[in-house]
């Protein structure tokens, strides 16, 4: 049985191939051109999802810590009619982190060919 490189060389030379060899060659080419890029995109998405999940958990814990720090160290700020102030401060910090993260997104990295 001839291997795939012999089939490809025969197609380049213009030799006659059997229908089965042509179908096999087309299947091999389609798998090569679709499955390879999909595997790479799957790895890219898995790493991004794991990173986003871990960063989200870490950010939530840090913001909770900042909230408790403000409530403990500035107890007079967390009493009476201004009891919402620590929450507003932490919300502002959270919005600042989100804005910073959005400005750092580089959309061209997915389409970039590896070196």
N, C-alpha and C. Protein backbone atom coordinates (compact mmCIF):
# COMPACT_ATOMS: atom_id res chain seq x y z
N UNK A 1 0.85 -1.18 0.00
CA UNK A 1 0.00 0.00 0.00
C UNK A 1 0.90 1.23 0.00
N UNK A 2 0.58 2.19 -0.83
CA UNK A 2 1.38 3.42 -0.94
C UNK A 2 1.09 4.32 0.25
N UNK A 3 2.09 5.07 0.68
CA UNK A 3 1.85 5.99 1.81
C UNK A 3 1.34 7.33 1.29
N UNK A 4 1.00 8.20 2.22
CA UNK A 4 0.36 9.47 1.87
C UNK A 4 1.28 10.40 1.09
N UNK A 5 2.56 10.40 1.39
CA UNK A 5 3.47 11.27 0.66
C UNK A 5 3.58 10.83 -0.80
N UNK A 6 3.53 9.50 -1.06
CA UNK A 6 3.53 9.02 -2.44
C UNK A 6 2.27 9.47 -3.17
N UNK A 7 1.12 9.43 -2.46
CA UNK A 7 -0.14 9.89 -3.06
C UNK A 7 -0.07 11.37 -3.39
N UNK A 8 0.49 12.16 -2.47
CA UNK A 8 0.59 13.59 -2.69
C UNK A 8 1.53 13.89 -3.85
N UNK A 9 2.64 13.17 -3.93
CA UNK A 9 3.57 13.36 -5.05
C UNK A 9 2.93 12.97 -6.38
N UNK A 10 2.12 11.94 -6.34
CA UNK A 10 1.43 11.52 -7.56
C UNK A 10 0.42 12.58 -8.00
N UNK A 11 -0.25 13.20 -7.06
CA UNK A 11 -1.21 14.25 -7.41
C UNK A 11 -0.46 15.44 -8.00
N UNK A 12 0.68 15.78 -7.43
CA UNK A 12 1.47 16.90 -7.95
C UNK A 12 1.96 16.61 -9.37
N UNK A 13 2.33 15.37 -9.65
CA UNK A 13 2.80 15.02 -10.99
C UNK A 13 1.64 14.90 -11.97
N UNK A 14 0.45 14.75 -11.46
CA UNK A 14 -0.70 14.61 -12.33
C UNK A 14 -1.01 13.18 -12.69
N UNK A 15 -0.38 12.21 -12.02
CA UNK A 15 -0.65 10.80 -12.30
C UNK A 15 -2.08 10.47 -11.91
N UNK A 16 -2.60 9.44 -12.51
CA UNK A 16 -3.94 8.98 -12.17
C UNK A 16 -3.92 8.26 -10.83
N UNK A 17 -4.85 8.61 -9.97
CA UNK A 17 -5.01 7.94 -8.68
C UNK A 17 -6.37 7.29 -8.64
N UNK A 18 -6.50 6.31 -7.81
CA UNK A 18 -7.81 5.70 -7.64
C UNK A 18 -8.69 6.66 -6.85
N UNK A 19 -9.97 6.50 -6.95
CA UNK A 19 -10.92 7.34 -6.22
C UNK A 19 -10.70 7.20 -4.72
N UNK A 20 -10.42 6.01 -4.27
CA UNK A 20 -10.18 5.78 -2.84
C UNK A 20 -8.96 6.54 -2.34
N UNK A 21 -7.91 6.60 -3.13
CA UNK A 21 -6.71 7.33 -2.73
C UNK A 21 -6.98 8.83 -2.66
N UNK A 22 -7.76 9.33 -3.61
CA UNK A 22 -8.10 10.76 -3.60
C UNK A 22 -8.97 11.09 -2.39
N UNK A 23 -9.95 10.25 -2.11
CA UNK A 23 -10.81 10.49 -0.95
C UNK A 23 -9.99 10.44 0.33
N UNK A 24 -9.08 9.47 0.42
CA UNK A 24 -8.22 9.37 1.60
C UNK A 24 -7.32 10.60 1.73
N UNK A 25 -6.81 11.08 0.63
CA UNK A 25 -5.96 12.27 0.64
C UNK A 25 -6.75 13.50 1.09
N UNK A 26 -7.97 13.64 0.62
CA UNK A 26 -8.81 14.78 1.01
C UNK A 26 -9.17 14.69 2.50
N UNK A 27 -9.48 13.51 2.98
CA UNK A 27 -9.78 13.33 4.41
C UNK A 27 -8.59 13.70 5.27
N UNK A 28 -7.41 13.23 4.87
CA UNK A 28 -6.20 13.54 5.63
C UNK A 28 -5.93 15.03 5.65
N UNK A 29 -6.09 15.68 4.51
CA UNK A 29 -5.87 17.13 4.44
C UNK A 29 -6.89 17.88 5.30
N UNK A 30 -8.15 17.47 5.26
CA UNK A 30 -9.19 18.14 6.04
C UNK A 30 -8.93 17.99 7.54
N UNK A 31 -8.52 16.81 7.96
CA UNK A 31 -8.20 16.60 9.39
C UNK A 31 -7.02 17.47 9.80
N UNK A 32 -6.01 17.53 8.96
CA UNK A 32 -4.82 18.31 9.26
C UNK A 32 -5.15 19.79 9.39
N UNK A 33 -6.00 20.30 8.54
CA UNK A 33 -6.30 21.73 8.52
C UNK A 33 -7.38 22.14 9.51
N UNK A 34 -8.16 21.20 10.04
CA UNK A 34 -9.21 21.58 10.99
C UNK A 34 -8.89 21.18 12.42
N UNK A 35 -8.42 19.96 12.63
CA UNK A 35 -8.20 19.49 13.99
C UNK A 35 -6.99 20.16 14.66
N UNK A 36 -5.94 20.43 13.92
CA UNK A 36 -4.77 21.07 14.49
C UNK A 36 -5.09 22.44 15.06
N UNK A 37 -5.68 23.34 14.27
CA UNK A 37 -6.04 24.66 14.81
C UNK A 37 -7.07 24.59 15.94
N UNK A 38 -8.00 23.64 15.88
CA UNK A 38 -9.00 23.52 16.95
C UNK A 38 -8.36 23.08 18.26
N UNK A 39 -7.37 22.18 18.18
CA UNK A 39 -6.68 21.76 19.40
C UNK A 39 -5.93 22.93 20.01
N UNK A 40 -5.28 23.74 19.16
CA UNK A 40 -4.57 24.91 19.66
C UNK A 40 -5.52 25.92 20.30
N UNK A 41 -6.66 26.14 19.69
CA UNK A 41 -7.65 27.07 20.25
C UNK A 41 -8.23 26.51 21.55
N UNK A 42 -8.41 25.21 21.63
CA UNK A 42 -8.92 24.59 22.85
C UNK A 42 -7.96 24.76 24.01
N UNK A 43 -6.65 24.58 23.74
CA UNK A 43 -5.65 24.80 24.79
C UNK A 43 -5.64 26.26 25.22
N UNK A 44 -5.75 27.17 24.27
CA UNK A 44 -5.75 28.60 24.56
C UNK A 44 -6.96 28.96 25.42
N UNK A 45 -8.12 28.42 25.09
CA UNK A 45 -9.33 28.70 25.87
C UNK A 45 -9.26 28.07 27.26
N UNK A 46 -8.71 26.87 27.36
CA UNK A 46 -8.60 26.22 28.67
C UNK A 46 -7.67 26.99 29.60
N UNK A 47 -6.55 27.45 29.08
CA UNK A 47 -5.62 28.22 29.90
C UNK A 47 -6.24 29.56 30.30
N UNK A 48 -6.95 30.20 29.38
CA UNK A 48 -7.60 31.46 29.69
C UNK A 48 -8.71 31.31 30.73
N UNK A 49 -9.48 30.25 30.62
CA UNK A 49 -10.56 30.00 31.57
C UNK A 49 -10.01 29.72 32.96
N UNK A 50 -8.98 28.89 33.03
CA UNK A 50 -8.37 28.58 34.33
C UNK A 50 -7.77 29.83 34.96
N UNK A 51 -7.08 30.63 34.15
CA UNK A 51 -6.49 31.87 34.66
C UNK A 51 -7.54 32.85 35.15
N UNK A 52 -8.62 33.00 34.38
CA UNK A 52 -9.68 33.93 34.78
C UNK A 52 -10.36 33.46 36.07
N UNK A 53 -10.57 32.16 36.19
CA UNK A 53 -11.19 31.63 37.40
C UNK A 53 -10.32 31.88 38.63
N UNK A 54 -9.03 31.58 38.52
CA UNK A 54 -8.13 31.78 39.65
C UNK A 54 -7.96 33.26 39.99
N UNK A 55 -7.86 34.11 38.98
CA UNK A 55 -7.76 35.55 39.25
C UNK A 55 -9.04 36.08 39.88
N UNK A 56 -10.18 35.59 39.46
CA UNK A 56 -11.45 36.02 40.04
C UNK A 56 -11.57 35.64 41.50
N UNK A 57 -11.19 34.41 41.82
CA UNK A 57 -11.24 33.97 43.22
C UNK A 57 -10.26 34.78 44.06
N UNK A 58 -9.06 34.99 43.54
CA UNK A 58 -8.06 35.77 44.28
C UNK A 58 -8.51 37.21 44.49
N UNK A 59 -9.08 37.82 43.47
CA UNK A 59 -9.56 39.19 43.59
C UNK A 59 -10.69 39.29 44.59
N UNK A 60 -11.59 38.33 44.58
CA UNK A 60 -12.69 38.35 45.55
C UNK A 60 -12.17 38.25 46.98
N UNK A 61 -11.18 37.40 47.21
CA UNK A 61 -10.62 37.27 48.56
C UNK A 61 -9.87 38.53 48.98
N UNK A 62 -9.13 39.13 48.07
CA UNK A 62 -8.41 40.37 48.40
C UNK A 62 -9.40 41.50 48.70
N UNK A 63 -10.43 41.63 47.91
CA UNK A 63 -11.42 42.69 48.15
C UNK A 63 -12.17 42.45 49.47
N UNK A 64 -12.46 41.20 49.79
CA UNK A 64 -13.08 40.90 51.07
C UNK A 64 -12.15 41.27 52.22
N UNK A 65 -10.86 40.99 52.04
CA UNK A 65 -9.88 41.37 53.05
C UNK A 65 -9.78 42.88 53.22
N UNK A 66 -9.82 43.61 52.11
CA UNK A 66 -9.78 45.07 52.19
C UNK A 66 -11.03 45.59 52.89
N UNK A 67 -12.17 45.01 52.60
CA UNK A 67 -13.41 45.43 53.27
C UNK A 67 -13.31 45.20 54.77
N UNK A 68 -12.84 44.03 55.18
CA UNK A 68 -12.71 43.75 56.61
C UNK A 68 -11.66 44.64 57.26
N UNK A 69 -10.60 44.97 56.55
CA UNK A 69 -9.58 45.86 57.06
C UNK A 69 -10.15 47.26 57.30
N UNK A 70 -10.91 47.76 56.36
CA UNK A 70 -11.52 49.08 56.52
C UNK A 70 -12.52 49.07 57.67
N UNK A 71 -13.32 48.02 57.76
CA UNK A 71 -14.30 47.95 58.84
C UNK A 71 -13.64 47.83 60.21
N UNK A 72 -12.50 47.19 60.29
CA UNK A 72 -11.81 47.00 61.56
C UNK A 72 -11.00 48.24 61.95
N UNK A 73 -10.19 48.74 61.05
CA UNK A 73 -9.27 49.83 61.36
C UNK A 73 -9.98 51.19 61.42
N UNK A 74 -11.01 51.35 60.66
CA UNK A 74 -11.76 52.61 60.64
C UNK A 74 -13.18 52.33 61.11
N UNK A 75 -13.31 51.88 62.34
CA UNK A 75 -14.60 51.46 62.89
C UNK A 75 -15.59 52.62 62.93
N UNK A 76 -15.11 53.84 63.17
CA UNK A 76 -16.03 54.98 63.22
C UNK A 76 -16.62 55.27 61.84
N UNK A 77 -15.93 54.86 60.79
CA UNK A 77 -16.44 55.06 59.43
C UNK A 77 -17.57 54.08 59.12
N UNK A 78 -17.58 52.94 59.80
CA UNK A 78 -18.54 51.88 59.53
C UNK A 78 -19.73 51.92 60.48
N UNK A 79 -19.95 53.03 61.16
CA UNK A 79 -21.08 53.12 62.09
C UNK A 79 -22.04 54.21 61.65
N UNK A 80 -23.25 54.09 62.11
CA UNK A 80 -24.24 55.15 61.89
C UNK A 80 -24.70 55.25 60.45
N UNK A 81 -24.92 56.49 60.05
CA UNK A 81 -25.45 56.75 58.71
C UNK A 81 -24.43 56.52 57.59
N UNK A 82 -23.15 56.40 57.93
CA UNK A 82 -22.11 56.19 56.93
C UNK A 82 -21.64 54.74 56.88
N UNK A 83 -22.45 53.82 57.31
CA UNK A 83 -22.04 52.40 57.37
C UNK A 83 -21.82 51.80 55.98
N UNK A 84 -22.31 52.43 54.95
CA UNK A 84 -22.14 51.92 53.60
C UNK A 84 -20.79 52.33 53.00
N UNK A 85 -20.06 53.23 53.63
CA UNK A 85 -18.82 53.78 53.07
C UNK A 85 -17.76 52.72 52.77
N UNK A 86 -17.48 51.77 53.65
CA UNK A 86 -16.48 50.74 53.30
C UNK A 86 -16.87 49.94 52.05
N UNK A 87 -18.14 49.69 51.88
CA UNK A 87 -18.61 48.96 50.70
C UNK A 87 -18.40 49.79 49.43
N UNK A 88 -18.64 51.08 49.51
CA UNK A 88 -18.43 51.95 48.35
C UNK A 88 -16.95 52.02 48.00
N UNK A 89 -16.09 52.07 49.01
CA UNK A 89 -14.65 52.10 48.76
C UNK A 89 -14.20 50.82 48.07
N UNK A 90 -14.66 49.69 48.54
CA UNK A 90 -14.29 48.40 47.94
C UNK A 90 -14.88 48.27 46.54
N UNK A 91 -16.10 48.76 46.34
CA UNK A 91 -16.70 48.74 45.01
C UNK A 91 -15.89 49.60 44.04
N UNK A 92 -15.43 50.75 44.48
CA UNK A 92 -14.61 51.61 43.64
C UNK A 92 -13.29 50.92 43.29
N UNK A 93 -12.70 50.23 44.26
CA UNK A 93 -11.46 49.49 43.99
C UNK A 93 -11.70 48.37 42.98
N UNK A 94 -12.82 47.70 43.11
CA UNK A 94 -13.18 46.62 42.18
C UNK A 94 -13.37 47.17 40.76
N UNK A 95 -14.06 48.29 40.63
CA UNK A 95 -14.26 48.91 39.32
C UNK A 95 -12.92 49.34 38.73
N UNK A 96 -12.02 49.87 39.56
CA UNK A 96 -10.71 50.27 39.07
C UNK A 96 -9.93 49.07 38.54
N UNK A 97 -9.99 47.94 39.23
CA UNK A 97 -9.29 46.73 38.77
C UNK A 97 -9.90 46.23 37.46
N UNK A 98 -11.22 46.28 37.34
CA UNK A 98 -11.89 45.83 36.11
C UNK A 98 -11.51 46.72 34.94
N UNK A 99 -11.50 48.03 35.15
CA UNK A 99 -11.13 48.96 34.08
C UNK A 99 -9.68 48.72 33.66
N UNK A 100 -8.80 48.52 34.63
CA UNK A 100 -7.40 48.24 34.32
C UNK A 100 -7.28 46.96 33.50
N UNK A 101 -8.00 45.92 33.89
CA UNK A 101 -7.93 44.64 33.16
C UNK A 101 -8.45 44.78 31.73
N UNK A 102 -9.52 45.53 31.55
CA UNK A 102 -10.09 45.70 30.21
C UNK A 102 -9.13 46.48 29.31
N UNK A 103 -8.44 47.46 29.87
CA UNK A 103 -7.50 48.23 29.05
C UNK A 103 -6.27 47.42 28.67
N UNK A 104 -5.98 46.34 29.37
CA UNK A 104 -4.79 45.53 29.10
C UNK A 104 -5.07 44.36 28.15
N UNK A 105 -6.29 44.19 27.69
CA UNK A 105 -6.63 43.08 26.80
C UNK A 105 -5.98 43.31 25.44
N UNK A 106 -5.29 42.29 24.94
CA UNK A 106 -4.64 42.35 23.64
C UNK A 106 -5.35 41.35 22.73
N UNK A 107 -6.18 41.83 21.85
CA UNK A 107 -7.01 40.95 21.03
C UNK A 107 -6.24 40.33 19.87
N UNK A 108 -5.10 40.84 19.51
CA UNK A 108 -4.37 40.29 18.36
C UNK A 108 -3.60 39.02 18.70
N UNK A 109 -3.50 38.65 19.97
CA UNK A 109 -2.67 37.50 20.34
C UNK A 109 -3.26 36.17 19.90
N UNK A 110 -4.57 36.06 19.73
CA UNK A 110 -5.17 34.79 19.32
C UNK A 110 -4.83 34.48 17.86
N UNK A 111 -4.78 35.49 17.01
CA UNK A 111 -4.54 35.28 15.59
C UNK A 111 -3.06 35.25 15.23
N UNK A 112 -2.20 35.47 16.18
CA UNK A 112 -0.77 35.54 15.92
C UNK A 112 -0.20 34.14 15.72
N UNK A 113 0.61 33.98 14.69
CA UNK A 113 1.24 32.71 14.42
C UNK A 113 2.41 32.50 15.38
N UNK A 114 2.61 31.28 15.86
CA UNK A 114 3.76 31.03 16.74
C UNK A 114 5.07 31.16 15.97
N UNK A 115 6.12 31.56 16.67
CA UNK A 115 7.44 31.74 16.02
C UNK A 115 8.13 30.43 15.80
